[in-house]
């Protein structure tokens, strides 16, 4: 968990303050996964998300006490915003680089990116920018509030420039109660966020074997032969079996068997996933550590 000094430092960070404002005191359920790469089996991703969110709502006393936090944009994991908002009636929020923000306003003037962050909430907050422009830029219409964060160069990793802490990880502490991180697969950014979460004792529910869309991966590999399509698989290999020194279970690393992509399957950490009943162990379906990473 965060030390009192770290929490004090976060509370003085204006970006963290914007997240607190966006979350409205609700318990954050932070979700990471594939965006532009999409998923090979989006229906399974939706099923797992519903299972987790349903249990989170039950444990939190109702949908008004939960906020689902993702990366603001529509593709891939962003399609879950519609489920959260319209099926479950929970508040939604996004944390993302300013690269996702409209570049010009309705008057053709550049949108100010020379500030640490911009907060877009309930269709307003950035001068000269409209809801339609946000939609055209790829921001989900089902995302109630988005904190756009200034990031260096072409990076999409939203980290504090002073402490280096991932704001995605910080988001789990920005509500009325500490939240958890749900990783439905994910690329390099998700891998970095999960790794940071481990260091701060954030509960992590991870499905590293959820596969990105094969055609999109193939297209990426053609332009970048060194492209890694499933880096969160490496996260599992690095951390499976790790038990924090506190004796509490902060890592809940569960995987989907590579030949049974329909149910969650516990691989031996303490307990399973909330709202998901793992099937009996199947040695033939166990996921083995990759010999080369």
C-alpha atoms as a PDB file:
ATOM      1  CA  UNK A   1       0.000   0.000   0.000  1.00  0.00           C
ATOM      2  CA  UNK A   2       1.005   3.644  -0.274  1.00  0.00           C
ATOM      3  CA  UNK A   3       2.954   5.045   2.663  1.00  0.00           C
ATOM      4  CA  UNK A   4       1.602   8.153   4.407  1.00  0.00           C
ATOM      5  CA  UNK A   5       4.364  10.183   2.751  1.00  0.00           C
ATOM      6  CA  UNK A   6       3.453   8.871  -0.696  1.00  0.00           C
ATOM      7  CA  UNK A   7      -0.234   9.514  -0.116  1.00  0.00           C
ATOM      8  CA  UNK A   8       0.549  13.036   1.070  1.00  0.00           C
ATOM      9  CA  UNK A   9       2.581  13.617  -2.076  1.00  0.00           C
ATOM     10  CA  UNK A  10      -0.283  12.318  -4.216  1.00  0.00           C
ATOM     11  CA  UNK A  11      -2.800  14.544  -2.469  1.00  0.00           C
ATOM     12  CA  UNK A  12      -0.711  17.578  -3.422  1.00  0.00           C
ATOM     13  CA  UNK A  13      -0.613  16.500  -7.083  1.00  0.00           C
ATOM     14  CA  UNK A  14      -3.160  18.479  -9.160  1.00  0.00           C
ATOM     15  CA  UNK A  15      -3.649  15.530 -11.549  1.00  0.00           C
ATOM     16  CA  UNK A  16      -4.600  13.289  -8.623  1.00  0.00           C
ATOM     17  CA  UNK A  17      -6.945  16.030  -7.466  1.00  0.00           C
ATOM     18  CA  UNK A  18      -8.616  16.011 -10.884  1.00  0.00           C
ATOM     19  CA  UNK A  19      -9.067  12.252 -10.635  1.00  0.00           C
ATOM     20  CA  UNK A  20     -10.659  12.617  -7.211  1.00  0.00           C
ATOM     21  CA  UNK A  21     -13.047  15.175  -8.681  1.00  0.00           C
ATOM     22  CA  UNK A  22     -13.858  12.923 -11.634  1.00  0.00           C
ATOM     23  CA  UNK A  23     -14.517   9.877  -9.420  1.00  0.00           C
ATOM     24  CA  UNK A  24     -16.822  11.703  -7.008  1.00  0.00           C
ATOM     25  CA  UNK A  25     -15.807   9.693  -3.943  1.00  0.00           C
ATOM     26  CA  UNK A  26     -16.829   6.364  -5.483  1.00  0.00           C
ATOM     27  CA  UNK A  27     -14.788   3.171  -5.302  1.00  0.00           C
ATOM     28  CA  UNK A  28     -12.719   2.846  -8.492  1.00  0.00           C
ATOM     29  CA  UNK A  29     -12.665  -0.341 -10.544  1.00  0.00           C
ATOM     30  CA  UNK A  30      -9.691   0.289 -12.827  1.00  0.00           C
ATOM     31  CA  UNK A  31      -9.626  -1.790 -16.018  1.00  0.00           C
ATOM     32  CA  UNK A  32      -6.749  -2.146 -18.487  1.00  0.00           C
ATOM     33  CA  UNK A  33      -6.455  -4.206 -21.653  1.00  0.00           C
ATOM     34  CA  UNK A  34      -6.083  -4.047 -25.421  1.00  0.00           C
ATOM     35  CA  UNK A  35      -7.228  -0.912 -27.164  1.00  0.00           C
ATOM     36  CA  UNK A  36      -6.290  -0.481 -30.828  1.00  0.00           C
ATOM     37  CA  UNK A  37      -5.381  -4.164 -31.185  1.00  0.00           C
ATOM     38  CA  UNK A  38      -8.922  -5.180 -30.184  1.00  0.00           C
ATOM     39  CA  UNK A  39      -9.635  -8.765 -28.999  1.00  0.00           C
ATOM     40  CA  UNK A  40      -9.791 -12.158 -30.663  1.00  0.00           C
ATOM     41  CA  UNK A  41     -12.772 -13.068 -28.480  1.00  0.00           C
ATOM     42  CA  UNK A  42     -14.555  -9.855 -27.411  1.00  0.00           C
ATOM     43  CA  UNK A  43     -17.587 -11.765 -26.128  1.00  0.00           C
ATOM     44  CA  UNK A  44     -15.446 -13.529 -23.535  1.00  0.00           C
ATOM     45  CA  UNK A  45     -13.920 -10.207 -22.443  1.00  0.00           C
ATOM     46  CA  UNK A  46     -17.405  -8.777 -21.987  1.00  0.00           C
ATOM     47  CA  UNK A  47     -18.479 -11.814 -19.966  1.00  0.00           C
ATOM     48  CA  UNK A  48     -15.519 -11.544 -17.588  1.00  0.00           C
ATOM     49  CA  UNK A  49     -16.032  -7.805 -17.184  1.00  0.00           C
ATOM     50  CA  UNK A  50     -19.700  -8.278 -16.332  1.00  0.00           C
ATOM     51  CA  UNK A  51     -18.801 -10.910 -13.725  1.00  0.00           C
ATOM     52  CA  UNK A  52     -16.315  -8.610 -12.023  1.00  0.00           C
ATOM     53  CA  UNK A  53     -18.479  -5.506 -12.164  1.00  0.00           C
ATOM     54  CA  UNK A  54     -21.550  -7.343 -10.854  1.00  0.00           C
ATOM     55  CA  UNK A  55     -19.597  -8.524  -7.809  1.00  0.00           C
ATOM     56  CA  UNK A  56     -17.988  -5.107  -7.298  1.00  0.00           C
ATOM     57  CA  UNK A  57     -21.433  -3.504  -7.231  1.00  0.00           C
ATOM     58  CA  UNK A  58     -22.721  -6.089  -4.735  1.00  0.00           C
ATOM     59  CA  UNK A  59     -19.702  -5.625  -2.469  1.00  0.00           C
ATOM     60  CA  UNK A  60     -19.953  -1.825  -2.631  1.00  0.00           C
ATOM     61  CA  UNK A  61     -23.630  -1.477  -1.785  1.00  0.00           C
ATOM     62  CA  UNK A  62     -24.977  -0.612  -5.220  1.00  0.00           C
ATOM     63  CA  UNK A  63     -24.052   0.916  -8.600  1.00  0.00           C
ATOM     64  CA  UNK A  64     -23.971   4.473  -7.229  1.00  0.00           C
ATOM     65  CA  UNK A  65     -20.906   3.588  -5.154  1.00  0.00           C
ATOM     66  CA  UNK A  66     -18.684   2.391  -8.038  1.00  0.00           C
ATOM     67  CA  UNK A  67     -16.836   4.158 -10.826  1.00  0.00           C
ATOM     68  CA  UNK A  68     -15.343   2.182 -13.729  1.00  0.00           C
ATOM     69  CA  UNK A  69     -12.050   3.695 -14.874  1.00  0.00           C
ATOM     70  CA  UNK A  70     -10.381   2.895 -18.201  1.00  0.00           C
ATOM     71  CA  UNK A  71      -8.424   4.650 -20.923  1.00  0.00           C
ATOM     72  CA  UNK A  72     -11.277   6.850 -22.231  1.00  0.00           C
ATOM     73  CA  UNK A  73     -11.104   5.750 -25.883  1.00  0.00           C
ATOM     74  CA  UNK A  74     -13.633   3.548 -27.702  1.00  0.00           C
ATOM     75  CA  UNK A  75     -11.654   0.702 -29.366  1.00  0.00           C
ATOM     76  CA  UNK A  76     -11.042  -2.649 -27.706  1.00  0.00           C
ATOM     77  CA  UNK A  77     -11.350  -2.426 -23.930  1.00  0.00           C
ATOM     78  CA  UNK A  78     -13.175   0.889 -24.347  1.00  0.00           C
ATOM     79  CA  UNK A  79     -16.287  -0.902 -25.597  1.00  0.00           C
ATOM     80  CA  UNK A  80     -16.867  -1.956 -21.999  1.00  0.00           C
ATOM     81  CA  UNK A  81     -17.861   1.634 -21.174  1.00  0.00           C
ATOM     82  CA  UNK A  82     -21.240   0.997 -22.821  1.00  0.00           C
ATOM     83  CA  UNK A  83     -21.796  -2.072 -20.644  1.00  0.00           C
ATOM     84  CA  UNK A  84     -20.816  -0.265 -17.440  1.00  0.00           C
ATOM     85  CA  UNK A  85     -22.940   2.792 -18.095  1.00  0.00           C
ATOM     86  CA  UNK A  86     -26.002   1.424 -19.877  1.00  0.00           C
ATOM     87  CA  UNK A  87     -26.340  -2.122 -18.484  1.00  0.00           C
ATOM     88  CA  UNK A  88     -25.200  -1.515 -14.901  1.00  0.00           C
ATOM     89  CA  UNK A  89     -25.809   2.206 -14.476  1.00  0.00           C
ATOM     90  CA  UNK A  90     -22.412   2.979 -12.950  1.00  0.00           C
ATOM     91  CA  UNK A  91     -20.405   6.145 -13.375  1.00  0.00           C
ATOM     92  CA  UNK A  92     -17.508   5.934 -15.837  1.00  0.00           C
ATOM     93  CA  UNK A  93     -14.204   7.766 -16.090  1.00  0.00           C
ATOM     94  CA  UNK A  94     -11.061   7.785 -18.199  1.00  0.00           C
ATOM     95  CA  UNK A  95      -7.374   8.473 -17.682  1.00  0.00           C
ATOM     96  CA  UNK A  96      -5.395   8.933 -20.867  1.00  0.00           C
ATOM     97  CA  UNK A  97      -2.592  10.853 -22.545  1.00  0.00           C
ATOM     98  CA  UNK A  98      -3.351  14.191 -24.155  1.00  0.00           C
ATOM     99  CA  UNK A  99      -2.540  12.452 -27.438  1.00  0.00           C
ATOM    100  CA  UNK A 100      -6.184  11.276 -27.357  1.00  0.00           C
ATOM    101  CA  UNK A 101      -7.522  14.823 -27.069  1.00  0.00           C
ATOM    102  CA  UNK A 102      -8.834  16.835 -30.051  1.00  0.00           C
ATOM    103  CA  UNK A 103      -5.977  18.867 -31.498  1.00  0.00           C
ATOM    104  CA  UNK A 104      -8.026  21.954 -32.431  1.00  0.00           C
ATOM    105  CA  UNK A 105     -11.226  23.519 -31.084  1.00  0.00           C
ATOM    106  CA  UNK A 106     -14.354  24.490 -33.005  1.00  0.00           C
ATOM    107  CA  UNK A 107     -12.653  27.721 -34.128  1.00  0.00           C
ATOM    108  CA  UNK A 108      -9.671  25.877 -35.556  1.00  0.00           C
ATOM    109  CA  UNK A 109      -7.411  27.026 -32.722  1.00  0.00           C
ATOM    110  CA  UNK A 110      -4.978  24.586 -31.054  1.00  0.00           C
ATOM    111  CA  UNK A 111      -6.292  23.030 -27.853  1.00  0.00           C
ATOM    112  CA  UNK A 112      -4.023  23.891 -24.954  1.00  0.00           C
ATOM    113  CA  UNK A 113      -1.676  20.983 -24.249  1.00  0.00           C
ATOM    114  CA  UNK A 114       0.823  23.116 -22.349  1.00  0.00           C
ATOM    115  CA  UNK A 115      -0.697  22.264 -18.970  1.00  0.00           C
ATOM    116  CA  UNK A 116      -0.257  19.174 -16.756  1.00  0.00           C
ATOM    117  CA  UNK A 117      -3.819  17.995 -17.444  1.00  0.00           C
ATOM    118  CA  UNK A 118      -7.228  18.858 -18.845  1.00  0.00           C
ATOM    119  CA  UNK A 119     -10.448  17.623 -17.220  1.00  0.00           C
ATOM    120  CA  UNK A 120     -13.421  16.906 -19.467  1.00  0.00           C
ATOM    121  CA  UNK A 121     -16.542  16.138 -17.449  1.00  0.00           C
ATOM    122  CA  UNK A 122     -20.209  15.860 -18.416  1.00  0.00           C
ATOM    123  CA  UNK A 123     -19.600  17.291 -21.875  1.00  0.00           C
ATOM    124  CA  UNK A 124     -17.656  20.367 -20.787  1.00  0.00           C
ATOM    125  CA  UNK A 125     -14.410  21.624 -19.287  1.00  0.00           C
ATOM    126  CA  UNK A 126     -12.078  22.286 -22.228  1.00  0.00           C
ATOM    127  CA  UNK A 127     -12.762  25.691 -23.859  1.00  0.00           C
ATOM    128  CA  UNK A 128     -13.920  25.529 -27.466  1.00  0.00           C
ATOM    129  CA  UNK A 129     -14.197  21.718 -27.563  1.00  0.00           C
ATOM    130  CA  UNK A 130     -17.521  19.967 -28.151  1.00  0.00           C
ATOM    131  CA  UNK A 131     -18.846  16.506 -27.340  1.00  0.00           C
ATOM    132  CA  UNK A 132     -18.929  15.722 -31.059  1.00  0.00           C
ATOM    133  CA  UNK A 133     -15.225  16.599 -31.369  1.00  0.00           C
ATOM    134  CA  UNK A 134     -14.443  14.279 -28.484  1.00  0.00           C
ATOM    135  CA  UNK A 135     -16.354  11.499 -30.205  1.00  0.00           C
ATOM    136  CA  UNK A 136     -14.514  12.116 -33.486  1.00  0.00           C
ATOM    137  CA  UNK A 137     -11.205  11.979 -31.604  1.00  0.00           C
ATOM    138  CA  UNK A 138     -12.119   8.489 -30.394  1.00  0.00           C
ATOM    139  CA  UNK A 139     -13.231   9.264 -26.837  1.00  0.00           C
ATOM    140  CA  UNK A 140     -16.129   7.036 -25.779  1.00  0.00           C
ATOM    141  CA  UNK A 141     -19.476   8.852 -25.524  1.00  0.00           C
ATOM    142  CA  UNK A 142     -20.169   6.553 -22.554  1.00  0.00           C
ATOM    143  CA  UNK A 143     -17.199   7.940 -20.598  1.00  0.00           C
ATOM    144  CA  UNK A 144     -18.601  10.524 -18.164  1.00  0.00           C
ATOM    145  CA  UNK A 145     -15.325  12.193 -17.203  1.00  0.00           C
ATOM    146  CA  UNK A 146     -11.821  12.085 -18.666  1.00  0.00           C
ATOM    147  CA  UNK A 147      -8.547  13.339 -17.250  1.00  0.00           C
ATOM    148  CA  UNK A 148      -6.211  14.047 -20.184  1.00  0.00           C
ATOM    149  CA  UNK A 149      -2.621  14.013 -18.929  1.00  0.00           C
ATOM    150  CA  UNK A 150       0.422  15.579 -20.554  1.00  0.00           C
ATOM    151  CA  UNK A 151       2.933  12.868 -21.511  1.00  0.00           C
ATOM    152  CA  UNK A 152       6.447  13.247 -22.949  1.00  0.00           C
ATOM    153  CA  UNK A 153       7.075  12.755 -26.662  1.00  0.00           C
ATOM    154  CA  UNK A 154       4.876  10.113 -28.260  1.00  0.00           C
ATOM    155  CA  UNK A 155       4.461   8.118 -25.015  1.00  0.00           C
ATOM    156  CA  UNK A 156       0.992   7.072 -23.879  1.00  0.00           C
ATOM    157  CA  UNK A 157       2.147   6.071 -20.385  1.00  0.00           C
ATOM    158  CA  UNK A 158       0.497   8.419 -17.888  1.00  0.00           C
ATOM    159  CA  UNK A 159       3.088   8.771 -15.127  1.00  0.00           C
ATOM    160  CA  UNK A 160       3.751  11.529 -12.617  1.00  0.00           C
ATOM    161  CA  UNK A 161       6.670  13.673 -13.876  1.00  0.00           C
ATOM    162  CA  UNK A 162       7.915  14.118 -10.300  1.00  0.00           C
ATOM    163  CA  UNK A 163       7.433  10.705  -8.656  1.00  0.00           C
ATOM    164  CA  UNK A 164       7.174   8.459 -11.717  1.00  0.00           C
ATOM    165  CA  UNK A 165       4.060   6.806 -10.223  1.00  0.00           C
ATOM    166  CA  UNK A 166       1.587   5.565 -12.820  1.00  0.00           C
ATOM    167  CA  UNK A 167      -1.589   7.619 -12.606  1.00  0.00           C
ATOM    168  CA  UNK A 168      -3.505   4.484 -13.589  1.00  0.00           C
ATOM    169  CA  UNK A 169      -2.220   2.858 -10.398  1.00  0.00           C
ATOM    170  CA  UNK A 170      -2.855   6.068  -8.444  1.00  0.00           C
ATOM    171  CA  UNK A 171      -6.459   5.922  -9.651  1.00  0.00           C
ATOM    172  CA  UNK A 172      -7.082   2.914  -7.409  1.00  0.00           C
ATOM    173  CA  UNK A 173      -6.500   5.261  -4.436  1.00  0.00           C
ATOM    174  CA  UNK A 174      -8.476   8.238  -5.781  1.00  0.00           C
ATOM    175  CA  UNK A 175     -11.955   7.179  -4.676  1.00  0.00           C
ATOM    176  CA  UNK A 176     -13.808   6.981  -1.406  1.00  0.00           C
ATOM    177  CA  UNK A 177     -12.294   3.511  -0.850  1.00  0.00           C
ATOM    178  CA  UNK A 178      -9.207   1.857  -2.399  1.00  0.00           C
ATOM    179  CA  UNK A 179      -9.994  -0.093  -5.561  1.00  0.00           C
ATOM    180  CA  UNK A 180      -8.406  -2.869  -7.589  1.00  0.00           C
ATOM    181  CA  UNK A 181      -6.927  -3.333 -11.053  1.00  0.00           C
ATOM    182  CA  UNK A 182      -8.588  -5.692 -13.548  1.00  0.00           C
ATOM    183  CA  UNK A 183      -6.255  -6.581 -16.432  1.00  0.00           C
ATOM    184  CA  UNK A 184      -8.054  -8.157 -19.374  1.00  0.00           C
ATOM    185  CA  UNK A 185      -4.910  -8.915 -21.317  1.00  0.00           C
ATOM    186  CA  UNK A 186      -3.159  -5.809 -22.557  1.00  0.00           C
ATOM    187  CA  UNK A 187      -0.136  -4.366 -24.323  1.00  0.00           C
ATOM    188  CA  UNK A 188       3.053  -2.679 -23.148  1.00  0.00           C
ATOM    189  CA  UNK A 189       1.240   0.138 -21.348  1.00  0.00           C
ATOM    190  CA  UNK A 190      -0.927  -2.353 -19.423  1.00  0.00           C
ATOM    191  CA  UNK A 191       2.194  -4.357 -18.567  1.00  0.00           C
ATOM    192  CA  UNK A 192       3.860  -1.245 -17.117  1.00  0.00           C
ATOM    193  CA  UNK A 193       0.742  -0.394 -15.114  1.00  0.00           C
ATOM    194  CA  UNK A 194       0.434  -3.907 -13.690  1.00  0.00           C
ATOM    195  CA  UNK A 195       4.106  -3.940 -12.744  1.00  0.00           C
ATOM    196  CA  UNK A 196       3.716  -0.612 -10.946  1.00  0.00           C
ATOM    197  CA  UNK A 197       0.609  -1.897  -9.185  1.00  0.00           C
ATOM    198  CA  UNK A 198       2.541  -4.814  -7.718  1.00  0.00           C
ATOM    199  CA  UNK A 199       4.941  -2.406  -6.041  1.00  0.00           C
ATOM    200  CA  UNK A 200       2.110  -0.565  -4.309  1.00  0.00           C
ATOM    201  CA  UNK A 201       0.151  -3.597  -3.141  1.00  0.00           C
ATOM    202  CA  UNK A 202      -2.783  -2.995  -5.453  1.00  0.00           C
ATOM    203  CA  UNK A 203      -5.058  -6.049  -5.819  1.00  0.00           C
ATOM    204  CA  UNK A 204      -4.663  -7.263  -9.399  1.00  0.00           C
ATOM    205  CA  UNK A 205      -7.042  -9.561 -11.246  1.00  0.00           C
ATOM    206  CA  UNK A 206      -5.219 -10.604 -14.391  1.00  0.00           C
ATOM    207  CA  UNK A 207      -6.182 -12.577 -17.484  1.00  0.00           C
ATOM    208  CA  UNK A 208      -2.878 -12.620 -19.392  1.00  0.00           C
ATOM    209  CA  UNK A 209      -3.983 -15.236 -21.933  1.00  0.00           C
ATOM    210  CA  UNK A 210      -6.752 -13.134 -23.432  1.00  0.00           C
ATOM    211  CA  UNK A 211      -5.571 -12.744 -27.010  1.00  0.00           C
ATOM    212  CA  UNK A 212      -5.500  -9.619 -29.152  1.00  0.00           C
ATOM    213  CA  UNK A 213      -7.083  -9.734 -32.597  1.00  0.00           C
ATOM    214  CA  UNK A 214      -4.837 -11.953 -34.739  1.00  0.00           C
ATOM    215  CA  UNK A 215      -5.214  -9.888 -37.909  1.00  0.00           C
ATOM    216  CA  UNK A 216      -4.274  -6.686 -36.076  1.00  0.00           C
ATOM    217  CA  UNK A 217      -1.237  -8.360 -34.523  1.00  0.00           C
ATOM    218  CA  UNK A 218      -0.152  -9.644 -37.936  1.00  0.00           C
ATOM    219  CA  UNK A 219      -0.430  -6.153 -39.399  1.00  0.00           C
ATOM    220  CA  UNK A 220       1.651  -4.720 -36.539  1.00  0.00           C
ATOM    221  CA  UNK A 221       4.296  -7.419 -36.914  1.00  0.00           C
ATOM    222  CA  UNK A 222       4.729  -6.618 -40.601  1.00  0.00           C
ATOM    223  CA  UNK A 223       5.791  -3.072 -39.782  1.00  0.00           C
ATOM    224  CA  UNK A 224       7.607  -4.014 -36.563  1.00  0.00           C
ATOM    225  CA  UNK A 225       9.095  -7.552 -36.500  1.00  0.00           C
ATOM    226  CA  UNK A 226       9.961  -7.122 -32.797  1.00  0.00           C
ATOM    227  CA  UNK A 227       6.384  -6.339 -31.813  1.00  0.00           C
ATOM    228  CA  UNK A 228       5.192  -8.260 -28.717  1.00  0.00           C
ATOM    229  CA  UNK A 229       1.467  -8.913 -28.844  1.00  0.00           C
ATOM    230  CA  UNK A 230       0.913 -10.311 -25.322  1.00  0.00           C
ATOM    231  CA  UNK A 231       3.306  -8.649 -22.840  1.00  0.00           C
ATOM    232  CA  UNK A 232       0.904  -9.209 -19.943  1.00  0.00           C
ATOM    233  CA  UNK A 233       1.647 -12.918 -20.387  1.00  0.00           C
ATOM    234  CA  UNK A 234       5.195 -12.051 -19.297  1.00  0.00           C
ATOM    235  CA  UNK A 235       3.769 -10.283 -16.245  1.00  0.00           C
ATOM    236  CA  UNK A 236       2.112 -13.518 -15.197  1.00  0.00           C
ATOM    237  CA  UNK A 237       5.317 -15.493 -15.757  1.00  0.00           C
ATOM    238  CA  UNK A 238       7.243 -12.965 -13.663  1.00  0.00           C
ATOM    239  CA  UNK A 239       4.784 -12.898 -10.759  1.00  0.00           C
ATOM    240  CA  UNK A 240       2.888 -16.203 -10.528  1.00  0.00           C
ATOM    241  CA  UNK A 241       3.440 -17.720  -7.112  1.00  0.00           C
ATOM    242  CA  UNK A 242       4.596 -14.485  -5.536  1.00  0.00           C
ATOM    243  CA  UNK A 243       3.168 -13.928  -2.055  1.00  0.00           C
ATOM    244  CA  UNK A 244       3.641 -10.427  -0.573  1.00  0.00           C
ATOM    245  CA  UNK A 245       5.598 -10.119   2.667  1.00  0.00           C
ATOM    246  CA  UNK A 246       2.476  -8.948   4.503  1.00  0.00           C
ATOM    247  CA  UNK A 247       0.937 -12.376   4.071  1.00  0.00           C
ATOM    248  CA  UNK A 248      -2.077 -10.763   2.429  1.00  0.00           C
ATOM    249  CA  UNK A 249      -3.028 -11.650  -1.097  1.00  0.00           C
ATOM    250  CA  UNK A 250      -2.388  -8.656  -3.290  1.00  0.00           C
ATOM    251  CA  UNK A 251      -1.895 -10.620  -6.480  1.00  0.00           C
ATOM    252  CA  UNK A 252      -4.847 -12.585  -7.731  1.00  0.00           C
ATOM    253  CA  UNK A 253      -3.320 -13.868 -10.928  1.00  0.00           C
ATOM    254  CA  UNK A 254      -5.778 -16.090 -12.697  1.00  0.00           C
ATOM    255  CA  UNK A 255      -5.458 -17.187 -16.296  1.00  0.00           C
ATOM    256  CA  UNK A 256      -7.580 -18.671 -18.997  1.00  0.00           C
ATOM    257  CA  UNK A 257      -6.353 -22.083 -20.129  1.00  0.00           C
ATOM    258  CA  UNK A 258      -5.037 -21.773 -23.656  1.00  0.00           C
ATOM    259  CA  UNK A 259      -7.364 -24.548 -24.875  1.00  0.00           C
ATOM    260  CA  UNK A 260     -10.400 -23.586 -22.803  1.00  0.00           C
ATOM    261  CA  UNK A 261     -11.077 -19.922 -23.546  1.00  0.00           C
ATOM    262  CA  UNK A 262     -14.548 -19.904 -22.006  1.00  0.00           C
ATOM    263  CA  UNK A 263     -14.085 -19.954 -18.218  1.00  0.00           C
ATOM    264  CA  UNK A 264     -11.772 -18.445 -15.660  1.00  0.00           C
ATOM    265  CA  UNK A 265      -9.279 -20.936 -14.253  1.00  0.00           C
ATOM    266  CA  UNK A 266      -7.360 -20.497 -11.009  1.00  0.00           C
ATOM    267  CA  UNK A 267      -3.706 -21.418 -11.147  1.00  0.00           C
ATOM    268  CA  UNK A 268      -3.104 -21.809  -7.457  1.00  0.00           C
ATOM    269  CA  UNK A 269      -3.075 -18.349  -5.914  1.00  0.00           C
ATOM    270  CA  UNK A 270      -5.210 -17.951  -2.778  1.00  0.00           C
ATOM    271  CA  UNK A 271      -8.784 -18.229  -3.989  1.00  0.00           C
ATOM    272  CA  UNK A 272     -10.238 -17.281  -7.324  1.00  0.00           C
ATOM    273  CA  UNK A 273     -11.784 -14.239  -8.895  1.00  0.00           C
ATOM    274  CA  UNK A 274     -14.778 -12.433  -7.423  1.00  0.00           C
ATOM    275  CA  UNK A 275     -17.950 -13.576  -9.110  1.00  0.00           C
ATOM    276  CA  UNK A 276     -16.161 -16.179 -11.241  1.00  0.00           C
ATOM    277  CA  UNK A 277     -16.182 -19.845 -10.251  1.00  0.00           C
ATOM    278  CA  UNK A 278     -13.083 -21.643 -11.555  1.00  0.00           C
ATOM    279  CA  UNK A 279     -13.533 -25.125 -13.018  1.00  0.00           C
ATOM    280  CA  UNK A 280     -11.783 -28.141 -11.449  1.00  0.00           C
ATOM    281  CA  UNK A 281      -8.038 -28.304 -12.176  1.00  0.00           C
ATOM    282  CA  UNK A 282      -7.233 -29.793 -15.531  1.00  0.00           C
ATOM    283  CA  UNK A 283      -3.545 -30.717 -15.862  1.00  0.00           C
ATOM    284  CA  UNK A 284      -3.839 -30.825 -19.640  1.00  0.00           C
ATOM    285  CA  UNK A 285      -5.040 -27.236 -19.652  1.00  0.00           C
ATOM    286  CA  UNK A 286      -2.526 -25.787 -17.208  1.00  0.00           C
ATOM    287  CA  UNK A 287      -0.636 -22.814 -18.586  1.00  0.00           C
ATOM    288  CA  UNK A 288       3.083 -23.366 -18.379  1.00  0.00           C
ATOM    289  CA  UNK A 289       5.726 -20.695 -18.083  1.00  0.00           C
ATOM    290  CA  UNK A 290       7.202 -19.755 -21.402  1.00  0.00           C
ATOM    291  CA  UNK A 291      10.785 -21.004 -21.774  1.00  0.00           C
ATOM    292  CA  UNK A 292      11.712 -17.850 -23.635  1.00  0.00           C
ATOM    293  CA  UNK A 293      10.438 -14.377 -22.792  1.00  0.00           C
END
